[in-house]
Amino acid sequence: MGFFLANVVLVFSQLKILAVILTMATAVYLFYKTKRVYLVDFMCYRPPDAYRVPTSSFIEHIERLGKFNSETVEFQTKVLERSGIGSESYFPTGIHLFPNDQTLNSAVEEVEMVLFSITQKLFSKHKIDPKSIDILITNCSVICPTPSLASMIINKFGLRSNVKSFNLSGMGCSAGLLSVSLAKDLLKVHENSLALILSMESVCSNIYNGKVKSMLLANCLFRMGGAAVLLSNRKRDKRLAKYELKHLVRTHIGAKDSYYKCVIQEPDKEGFTGVNLSKSLKQVAGEALRVNVATLAVLVLPYSEQVKYVLVIVWKKIWPPSRKRGPYIPNFKKAFEHFCIHSGGKSVIETVKEKLKLREKDIEASRMTLYKFGNTSSASTWYSLSYLEAKGRVKRGDRVWQLAFGSGLKCNSAVWKCIKNLDPESSNVWSDWIHRYPVEVPDIIDH
């Protein structure tokens, strides 16, 4: 009997060892089988100089339109002067006209001008046959024509009939990173594929002609712009690619009504439609950031920072008086060399700087993007990354954190690792002006 039991124990031990070996082998197999997502290149839109809108011209234009009374003109003037946006951002044709042209035709003209231009430049730069695109994702929040923006691109460039196309609308300023998330998931399933992402916002469709101050803010912040991003999971593209996607964390706190409604497109009492930016937006964005960072921290921070974070949490539970000191903020500068924060406004950038205890240099790219191009919505983090590349700051091995907020309310993070030596002389949207930046921007004044 004893001999039998000994054999049984031996068999179970062998089975355990075999199970461990199989588990390890499976983990190794999955690790090497997991498809890597490469960022081959990206292109940001630079409008013609004729579309530039100096602050003085904007103020004169809204005065002459006759749609705004003296109070709303004064309010928009103050917002513009304190917005952190300089005099070199751009408006589309329809907003330059007198009176404004906010028709669907004008909005579609804006979309075609931005998306057709950057797509053509990206294709030409890398000698890409449009028929080689396997996945197409377009995003634009406030305009959703029929046929879709994705169909417009397919028609213009003659993409294949079996291209997997997606058009995202109503997703706000974080739609650019949402598109990356969608592309990442699709690239995991479809082998040897190229994914093209096109991100922009229609300014023509964003202009509000009423009197509600929280809705007038959008007039002062949003500007013309867009970005084309080329992703790949093909092994041969690794040598061409600039970056590899390491992590993507999405947070949506819209289950609460107050969070859901803090950025919302709606009509006012007089029937004028606009995007209402709540006074609580800064606080809500901070909450969304806290939730997002809690997940991201585990993925990117060194163990030393993670241990500190856990110890502080435990200590606060044991010693209640310590709770008054506020939460412990991990040092994310130990995880990232570069930060590309959504340039939604000075208050957005300042909130992230304060919450994450960043230095002025860490937010320089975002501040300058806001100053030069305004709020370009879902494309803004790509303008910031272009700024860093033009400055020659991104080196091989560096880690970049793209952080964007969007209506809903959403907070999304993408982490990229630079995998090649970048040429700072390579032409991008900042090339002609980069020597003039950074510039001094007045301190923020809440309004």
Protein backbone atom coordinates (compact mmCIF):
# COMPACT_ATOMS: atom_id res chain seq x y z
CA MET A 1 0.00 0.00 0.00
CA GLY A 2 2.81 2.36 0.92
CA PHE A 3 4.56 1.59 -2.36
CA PHE A 4 1.35 2.36 -4.29
CA LEU A 5 0.88 5.70 -2.53
CA ALA A 6 4.49 6.62 -3.22
CA ASN A 7 3.97 5.95 -6.93
CA VAL A 8 0.80 8.06 -6.94
CA VAL A 9 2.64 10.95 -5.29
CA LEU A 10 5.45 10.59 -7.83
CA VAL A 11 3.02 10.65 -10.75
CA PHE A 12 1.27 13.77 -9.41
CA SER A 13 4.64 15.47 -8.93
CA GLN A 14 5.60 14.68 -12.51
CA LEU A 15 2.25 15.99 -13.73
CA LYS A 16 2.79 19.23 -11.81
CA ILE A 17 6.23 19.64 -13.36
CA LEU A 18 4.79 18.90 -16.79
CA ALA A 19 2.01 21.46 -16.23
CA VAL A 20 4.56 24.11 -15.24
CA ILE A 21 6.67 23.35 -18.32
CA LEU A 22 3.62 23.52 -20.59
CA THR A 23 2.54 26.81 -19.01
CA MET A 24 5.99 28.32 -19.50
CA ALA A 25 6.19 27.03 -23.07
CA THR A 26 2.75 28.50 -23.83
CA ALA A 27 3.75 31.86 -22.34
CA VAL A 28 6.95 31.95 -24.41
CA TYR A 29 5.02 30.97 -27.54
CA LEU A 30 2.40 33.67 -27.01
CA PHE A 31 5.10 36.23 -26.24
CA TYR A 32 6.88 35.64 -29.53
CA LYS A 33 3.66 35.16 -31.48
CA THR A 34 2.19 38.46 -30.25
CA LYS A 35 2.22 40.86 -33.16
CA ARG A 36 4.12 44.05 -32.61
CA VAL A 37 2.57 47.32 -33.78
CA TYR A 38 4.95 49.75 -35.45
CA LEU A 39 4.42 53.43 -36.15
CA VAL A 40 6.02 53.73 -39.57
CA ASP A 41 5.47 57.48 -39.87
CA PHE A 42 2.93 60.25 -39.37
CA MET A 43 2.14 63.54 -41.06
CA CYS A 44 0.49 66.69 -39.65
CA TYR A 45 -1.41 69.18 -41.79
CA ARG A 46 -0.04 72.66 -42.39
CA PRO A 47 -2.69 75.01 -43.80
CA PRO A 48 -1.71 77.65 -46.39
CA ASP A 49 -0.51 80.93 -44.89
CA ALA A 50 -3.58 82.68 -46.31
CA TYR A 51 -5.71 80.78 -43.77
CA ARG A 52 -3.87 82.29 -40.81
CA VAL A 53 -6.08 84.06 -38.26
CA PRO A 54 -4.37 86.72 -36.10
CA THR A 55 -6.22 87.51 -32.89
CA SER A 56 -6.97 91.06 -34.04
CA SER A 57 -8.50 89.77 -37.29
CA PHE A 58 -10.66 87.27 -35.42
CA ILE A 59 -12.02 89.97 -33.10
CA GLU A 60 -12.70 92.34 -35.99
CA HIS A 61 -14.47 89.56 -37.88
CA ILE A 62 -16.85 88.63 -35.06
CA GLU A 63 -17.62 92.31 -34.47
CA ARG A 64 -18.58 92.86 -38.11
CA LEU A 65 -20.65 89.68 -38.38
CA GLY A 66 -23.41 91.28 -36.32
CA LYS A 67 -24.29 87.97 -34.65
CA PHE A 68 -22.73 88.83 -31.29
CA ASN A 69 -23.56 91.66 -28.89
CA SER A 70 -20.93 93.77 -27.14
CA GLU A 71 -20.88 91.47 -24.09
CA THR A 72 -20.18 88.27 -26.06
CA VAL A 73 -17.60 90.04 -28.25
CA GLU A 74 -15.81 91.27 -25.11
CA PHE A 75 -15.96 87.79 -23.59
CA GLN A 76 -14.45 86.11 -26.67
CA THR A 77 -11.78 88.80 -26.85
CA LYS A 78 -10.70 88.13 -23.25
CA VAL A 79 -10.69 84.37 -23.80
CA LEU A 80 -8.54 84.74 -26.91
CA GLU A 81 -6.05 87.01 -25.18
CA ARG A 82 -5.68 84.53 -22.30
CA SER A 83 -6.02 81.30 -24.26
CA GLY A 84 -2.35 80.64 -24.90
CA ILE A 85 -3.02 80.68 -28.66
CA GLY A 86 -0.83 82.98 -30.72
CA SER A 87 -1.59 84.82 -33.95
CA GLU A 88 -0.52 82.10 -36.37
CA SER A 89 -3.22 79.45 -36.03
CA TYR A 90 -5.62 78.73 -38.88
CA PHE A 91 -9.32 78.77 -39.79
CA PRO A 92 -10.85 77.10 -42.87
CA THR A 93 -12.31 79.03 -45.81
CA GLY A 94 -15.88 79.04 -44.51
CA ILE A 95 -14.94 80.96 -41.35
CA HIS A 96 -12.90 83.56 -43.25
CA LEU A 97 -15.87 84.42 -45.48
CA PHE A 98 -18.24 87.25 -44.67
CA PRO A 99 -20.79 86.15 -43.63
CA ASN A 100 -19.48 82.77 -42.43
CA ASP A 101 -20.26 79.73 -44.54
CA GLN A 102 -21.12 76.88 -42.16
CA THR A 103 -22.95 74.73 -44.68
CA LEU A 104 -22.28 71.02 -45.16
CA ASN A 105 -20.51 71.81 -48.44
CA SER A 106 -18.11 74.13 -46.63
CA ALA A 107 -17.41 71.54 -43.93
CA VAL A 108 -16.77 68.81 -46.53
CA GLU A 109 -14.44 71.18 -48.39
CA GLU A 110 -12.47 71.63 -45.15
CA VAL A 111 -12.30 67.87 -44.59
CA GLU A 112 -11.10 67.22 -48.13
CA MET A 113 -8.48 69.96 -47.89
CA VAL A 114 -6.99 68.50 -44.71
CA LEU A 115 -7.33 64.74 -45.19
CA PHE A 116 -6.59 64.55 -48.91
CA SER A 117 -3.46 66.67 -48.46
CA ILE A 118 -1.85 64.75 -45.59
CA THR A 119 -2.77 61.36 -47.06
CA GLN A 120 -1.19 62.25 -50.40
CA LYS A 121 1.97 63.55 -48.71
CA LEU A 122 2.30 60.41 -46.59
CA PHE A 123 1.81 58.15 -49.62
CA SER A 124 4.28 60.15 -51.71
CA LYS A 125 6.95 60.28 -49.01
CA HIS A 126 7.02 56.51 -48.57
CA LYS A 127 6.03 55.58 -52.14
CA ILE A 128 2.95 53.74 -50.86
CA ASP A 129 0.49 52.22 -53.26
CA PRO A 130 -2.96 53.11 -51.86
CA LYS A 131 -4.09 49.58 -52.66
CA SER A 132 -1.57 48.27 -50.10
CA ILE A 133 -3.63 49.80 -47.25
CA ASP A 134 -5.46 47.00 -45.43
CA ILE A 135 -7.16 49.00 -42.65
CA LEU A 136 -8.52 52.56 -42.83
CA ILE A 137 -9.78 54.48 -39.78
CA THR A 138 -11.04 58.06 -39.95
CA ASN A 139 -12.24 60.18 -37.04
CA CYS A 140 -13.98 63.54 -36.89
CA SER A 141 -16.44 64.32 -34.10
CA VAL A 142 -18.94 66.94 -35.21
CA ILE A 143 -19.40 66.12 -38.88
CA CYS A 144 -20.55 62.74 -40.13
CA PRO A 145 -21.58 63.03 -43.81
CA THR A 146 -22.97 60.29 -46.01
CA PRO A 147 -20.99 58.65 -47.56
CA SER A 148 -18.56 58.64 -44.64
CA LEU A 149 -15.13 60.27 -44.44
CA ALA A 150 -13.59 56.81 -44.83
CA SER A 151 -15.54 56.35 -48.07
CA MET A 152 -14.29 59.74 -49.28
CA ILE A 153 -10.70 58.53 -48.85
CA ILE A 154 -11.42 55.19 -50.54
CA ASN A 155 -12.97 57.01 -53.48
CA LYS A 156 -10.24 59.65 -53.78
CA PHE A 157 -7.25 57.29 -53.62
CA GLY A 158 -8.75 54.11 -55.08
CA LEU A 159 -8.28 51.82 -52.09
CA ARG A 160 -9.06 48.11 -52.49
CA SER A 161 -12.65 46.88 -52.38
CA ASN A 162 -11.86 44.63 -49.40
CA VAL A 163 -10.17 47.32 -47.29
CA LYS A 164 -11.43 47.24 -43.70
CA SER A 165 -12.77 50.77 -43.20
CA PHE A 166 -14.10 52.46 -40.06
CA ASN A 167 -15.40 55.97 -39.43
CA LEU A 168 -15.53 57.27 -35.84
CA SER A 169 -17.65 60.30 -34.94
CA GLY A 170 -18.65 62.00 -31.68
CA MET A 171 -15.57 60.64 -29.88
CA GLY A 172 -14.07 64.04 -29.05
CA CYS A 173 -10.45 65.09 -28.83
CA SER A 174 -9.27 61.65 -27.68
CA ALA A 175 -10.45 60.01 -30.91
CA GLY A 176 -6.91 59.95 -32.30
CA LEU A 177 -5.74 57.54 -29.61
CA LEU A 178 -9.04 55.64 -29.78
CA SER A 179 -8.26 55.06 -33.45
CA VAL A 180 -4.81 53.75 -32.52
CA SER A 181 -6.49 51.38 -30.06
CA LEU A 182 -8.86 50.10 -32.76
CA ALA A 183 -6.00 49.71 -35.24
CA LYS A 184 -3.92 47.84 -32.65
CA ASP A 185 -6.71 45.31 -32.06
CA LEU A 186 -7.26 44.82 -35.78
CA LEU A 187 -3.54 44.38 -36.43
CA LYS A 188 -3.47 41.63 -33.81
CA VAL A 189 -5.96 39.66 -35.89
CA HIS A 190 -4.91 40.48 -39.46
CA GLU A 191 -1.34 39.50 -40.33
CA ASN A 192 1.01 41.48 -42.56
CA SER A 193 -1.24 44.53 -42.63
CA LEU A 194 -0.91 48.29 -43.01
CA ALA A 195 -3.31 50.57 -41.12
CA LEU A 196 -3.91 54.22 -42.03
CA ILE A 197 -5.44 56.53 -39.39
CA LEU A 198 -6.75 59.98 -40.30
CA SER A 199 -7.64 62.35 -37.44
CA MET A 200 -9.15 65.85 -37.59
CA GLU A 201 -11.99 68.08 -36.42
CA SER A 202 -14.23 70.28 -38.55
CA VAL A 203 -13.94 73.88 -37.38
CA CYS A 204 -16.68 74.97 -39.80
CA SER A 205 -19.12 72.78 -37.90
CA ASN A 206 -17.89 73.96 -34.51
CA ILE A 207 -18.60 77.70 -34.64
CA TYR A 208 -21.35 78.76 -32.23
CA ASN A 209 -23.42 81.88 -32.97
CA GLY A 210 -25.33 82.25 -29.70
CA LYS A 211 -24.74 84.02 -26.38
CA VAL A 212 -23.98 81.25 -23.86
CA LYS A 213 -20.43 81.85 -22.63
CA SER A 214 -19.60 78.20 -21.94
CA MET A 215 -20.45 77.47 -25.58
CA LEU A 216 -18.53 80.47 -26.95
CA LEU A 217 -15.29 78.98 -25.61
CA ALA A 218 -15.10 76.53 -28.51
CA ASN A 219 -15.02 79.44 -30.99
CA CYS A 220 -11.83 80.68 -29.36
CA LEU A 221 -10.00 77.36 -28.92
CA PHE A 222 -10.54 75.09 -31.92
CA ARG A 223 -8.45 75.51 -35.06
CA MET A 224 -7.87 73.84 -38.40
CA GLY A 225 -5.55 70.82 -38.46
CA GLY A 226 -5.25 67.08 -38.90
CA ALA A 227 -2.89 64.10 -38.81
CA ALA A 228 -2.25 60.96 -40.89
CA VAL A 229 -0.69 58.00 -39.07
CA LEU A 230 0.66 54.84 -40.70
CA LEU A 231 0.81 51.69 -38.52
CA SER A 232 2.07 48.23 -39.45
CA ASN A 233 2.52 44.75 -38.00
CA ARG A 234 4.76 43.58 -40.86
CA LYS A 235 8.20 42.47 -39.68
CA ARG A 236 9.89 44.06 -42.68
CA ASP A 237 8.55 47.47 -41.65
CA LYS A 238 10.46 47.45 -38.36
CA ARG A 239 13.58 48.85 -40.04
CA LEU A 240 11.53 51.73 -41.48
CA ALA A 241 9.40 52.46 -38.43
CA LYS A 242 10.02 55.29 -35.98
CA TYR A 243 8.25 53.86 -32.95
CA GLU A 244 6.78 50.71 -31.48
CA LEU A 245 3.51 50.79 -29.54
CA LYS A 246 4.13 49.49 -26.01
CA HIS A 247 0.91 50.25 -24.12
CA LEU A 248 -2.51 51.78 -24.68
CA VAL A 249 -4.82 52.52 -21.74
CA ARG A 250 -8.38 53.80 -22.21
CA THR A 251 -10.56 55.30 -19.47
CA HIS A 252 -14.22 56.30 -19.74
CA ILE A 253 -15.96 57.81 -16.69
CA GLY A 254 -19.17 58.79 -18.47
CA ALA A 255 -21.38 56.57 -16.30
CA LYS A 256 -21.92 59.63 -14.08
CA ASP A 257 -24.26 62.25 -15.53
CA SER A 258 -22.10 65.16 -14.37
CA TYR A 259 -19.04 63.67 -16.11
CA TYR A 260 -20.99 62.77 -19.24
CA LYS A 261 -22.37 66.29 -19.63
CA CYS A 262 -19.22 68.31 -18.97
CA VAL A 263 -18.43 68.42 -22.73
CA ILE A 264 -21.59 68.13 -24.78
CA GLN A 265 -22.91 69.39 -28.11
CA GLU A 266 -26.41 70.80 -27.67
CA PRO A 267 -28.70 73.65 -28.74
CA ASP A 268 -29.14 76.69 -26.51
CA LYS A 269 -32.53 78.23 -25.69
CA GLU A 270 -32.48 80.21 -28.93
CA GLY A 271 -31.78 77.13 -31.03
CA PHE A 272 -28.09 77.78 -31.74
CA THR A 273 -26.05 74.56 -31.57
CA GLY A 274 -22.61 74.50 -30.00
CA VAL A 275 -20.24 72.52 -27.81
CA ASN A 276 -20.84 73.33 -24.15
CA LEU A 277 -17.65 73.25 -22.06
CA SER A 278 -18.66 72.99 -18.40
CA LYS A 279 -16.90 74.91 -15.61
CA SER A 280 -16.28 71.53 -13.96
CA LEU A 281 -14.23 70.29 -16.93
CA LYS A 282 -10.89 70.86 -15.23
CA GLN A 283 -11.98 68.89 -12.14
CA VAL A 284 -13.53 66.08 -14.21
CA ALA A 285 -10.44 65.81 -16.42
CA GLY A 286 -8.36 65.48 -13.25
CA GLU A 287 -10.55 62.59 -12.09
CA ALA A 288 -10.32 60.83 -15.47
CA LEU A 289 -6.55 61.32 -15.40
CA ARG A 290 -6.36 59.78 -11.91
CA VAL A 291 -8.20 56.64 -13.02
CA ASN A 292 -6.18 56.31 -16.22
CA VAL A 293 -2.86 56.81 -14.47
CA ALA A 294 -3.68 54.19 -11.84
CA THR A 295 -3.75 51.56 -14.60
CA LEU A 296 -0.86 52.96 -16.61
CA ALA A 297 1.44 53.24 -13.59
CA VAL A 298 1.53 49.47 -13.08
CA LEU A 299 2.60 48.98 -16.70
CA VAL A 300 5.32 51.60 -17.00
CA LEU A 301 6.77 52.62 -13.63
CA PRO A 302 9.91 50.99 -12.21
CA TYR A 303 9.32 48.73 -9.21
CA SER A 304 10.84 51.29 -6.84
CA GLU A 305 8.07 53.79 -7.67
CA GLN A 306 5.37 51.14 -7.52
CA VAL A 307 6.51 50.05 -4.04
CA LYS A 308 6.44 53.68 -2.83
CA TYR A 309 2.94 54.07 -4.22
CA VAL A 310 1.65 50.94 -2.44
CA LEU A 311 3.35 51.85 0.86
CA VAL A 312 1.78 55.31 0.85
CA ILE A 313 -1.68 53.82 0.28
CA VAL A 314 -1.21 51.31 3.12
CA TRP A 315 0.15 54.00 5.44
CA LYS A 316 -2.84 56.25 4.79
CA LYS A 317 -5.17 53.43 5.81
CA ILE A 318 -3.20 52.73 9.00
CA TRP A 319 -2.56 56.36 9.93
CA PRO A 320 -5.66 58.51 9.06
CA PRO A 321 -4.00 61.93 9.70
CA SER A 322 -1.65 61.24 6.76
CA ARG A 323 -4.64 61.38 4.38
CA LYS A 324 -4.60 65.18 4.58
CA ARG A 325 -1.37 65.25 2.60
CA GLY A 326 -3.16 64.17 -0.57
CA PRO A 327 -2.34 61.23 -2.84
CA TYR A 328 1.22 60.21 -3.63
CA ILE A 329 2.14 61.16 -7.19
CA PRO A 330 4.57 58.67 -8.77
CA ASN A 331 7.51 60.13 -10.63
CA PHE A 332 6.55 59.49 -14.25
CA LYS A 333 9.75 61.11 -15.44
CA LYS A 334 11.36 57.78 -14.48
CA ALA A 335 9.10 56.04 -17.02
CA PHE A 336 9.09 58.57 -19.89
CA GLU A 337 11.53 60.91 -21.55
CA HIS A 338 8.82 62.85 -23.40
CA PHE A 339 5.23 63.97 -22.78
CA CYS A 340 2.68 64.85 -25.48
CA ILE A 341 -0.37 66.23 -23.68
CA HIS A 342 -3.53 67.09 -25.59
CA SER A 343 -3.41 70.82 -26.33
CA GLY A 344 -7.07 71.42 -25.54
CA GLY A 345 -6.37 74.65 -23.70
CA LYS A 346 -4.00 76.15 -21.15
CA SER A 347 -6.08 74.86 -18.25
CA VAL A 348 -5.91 71.27 -19.59
CA ILE A 349 -2.13 71.41 -19.89
CA GLU A 350 -1.76 73.07 -16.49
CA THR A 351 -4.01 70.46 -14.84
CA VAL A 352 -1.84 67.60 -16.12
CA LYS A 353 1.34 69.44 -15.14
CA GLU A 354 0.02 69.96 -11.62
CA LYS A 355 -1.40 66.46 -11.16
CA LEU A 356 1.74 64.69 -12.42
CA LYS A 357 4.24 67.21 -11.00
CA LEU A 358 5.89 67.79 -14.36
CA ARG A 359 8.50 70.39 -15.22
CA GLU A 360 7.95 73.28 -17.60
CA LYS A 361 10.15 71.56 -20.18
CA ASP A 362 7.97 68.43 -20.00
CA ILE A 363 4.94 70.38 -21.24
CA GLU A 364 6.81 72.62 -23.67
CA ALA A 365 5.76 70.69 -26.78
CA SER A 366 2.10 70.86 -25.78
CA ARG A 367 2.24 74.57 -24.90
CA MET A 368 3.89 75.42 -28.21
CA THR A 369 1.41 73.28 -30.15
CA LEU A 370 -1.43 75.22 -28.55
CA TYR A 371 0.34 78.52 -29.23
CA LYS A 372 1.12 77.81 -32.90
CA PHE A 373 -1.84 75.67 -34.02
CA GLY A 374 -4.53 76.07 -31.34
CA ASN A 375 -6.68 73.12 -30.30
CA THR A 376 -6.56 70.74 -33.28
CA SER A 377 -8.58 68.18 -31.32
CA SER A 378 -7.69 64.53 -32.00
CA ALA A 379 -4.58 65.53 -33.98
CA SER A 380 -2.96 67.69 -31.27
CA THR A 381 -0.71 65.03 -29.68
CA TRP A 382 0.80 64.34 -33.12
CA TYR A 383 1.66 68.02 -33.53
CA SER A 384 3.40 67.85 -30.14
CA LEU A 385 5.38 64.78 -31.16
CA SER A 386 6.35 66.54 -34.40
CA TYR A 387 7.64 69.44 -32.30
CA LEU A 388 9.86 67.13 -30.26
CA GLU A 389 11.21 65.49 -33.40
CA ALA A 390 11.93 68.84 -35.06
CA LYS A 391 13.85 69.89 -31.93
CA GLY A 392 15.95 66.72 -32.22
CA ARG A 393 15.00 65.61 -28.71
CA VAL A 394 13.66 62.13 -29.42
CA LYS A 395 16.46 59.57 -29.38
CA ARG A 396 16.48 55.85 -30.01
CA GLY A 397 15.23 54.05 -26.90
CA ASP A 398 13.26 57.05 -25.61
CA ARG A 399 9.71 56.51 -24.36
CA VAL A 400 6.90 58.90 -25.30
CA TRP A 401 3.59 59.31 -23.47
CA GLN A 402 0.69 60.64 -25.53
CA LEU A 403 -2.21 61.73 -23.30
CA ALA A 404 -5.58 62.92 -24.60
CA PHE A 405 -8.96 63.86 -23.14
CA GLY A 406 -12.29 63.68 -24.95
CA SER A 407 -16.01 64.17 -24.51
CA GLY A 408 -17.79 61.41 -22.67
CA LEU A 409 -15.62 61.93 -20.58
CA LYS A 410 -12.56 59.99 -21.71
CA CYS A 411 -8.86 59.95 -20.91
CA ASN A 412 -6.59 57.85 -23.12
CA SER A 413 -2.87 57.11 -22.99
CA ALA A 414 -0.54 55.68 -25.63
CA VAL A 415 3.06 54.74 -24.88
CA TRP A 416 5.56 54.60 -27.74
CA LYS A 417 9.21 53.56 -27.77
CA CYS A 418 11.50 55.13 -30.34
CA ILE A 419 13.24 52.30 -32.24
CA LYS A 420 15.47 54.20 -34.66
CA ASN A 421 17.70 57.26 -34.80
CA LEU A 422 15.52 60.09 -36.08
CA ASP A 423 16.80 62.77 -38.40
CA PRO A 424 15.95 66.21 -36.92
CA GLU A 425 16.52 67.71 -40.37
CA SER A 426 13.69 65.63 -41.80
CA SER A 427 10.87 67.91 -42.92
CA ASN A 428 7.72 68.08 -40.81
CA VAL A 429 4.99 70.59 -39.96
CA TRP A 430 7.34 72.52 -37.62
CA SER A 431 10.46 72.58 -39.79
CA ASP A 432 10.27 76.16 -41.06
CA TRP A 433 9.58 77.71 -37.66
CA ILE A 434 11.18 75.45 -35.07
CA HIS A 435 14.09 77.85 -34.47
CA ARG A 436 11.59 80.43 -33.15
CA TYR A 437 10.30 78.19 -30.37
CA PRO A 438 9.77 78.00 -27.48
CA VAL A 439 8.26 81.44 -26.93
CA GLU A 440 7.07 83.03 -23.72
CA VAL A 441 3.34 82.52 -23.10
CA PRO A 442 1.55 84.60 -20.43
CA ASP A 443 0.55 82.74 -17.27
CA ILE A 444 -2.92 81.23 -17.27
CA ILE A 445 -5.86 83.29 -16.02
CA ASP A 446 -9.05 81.35 -15.33
CA HIS A 447 -12.13 82.68 -17.02
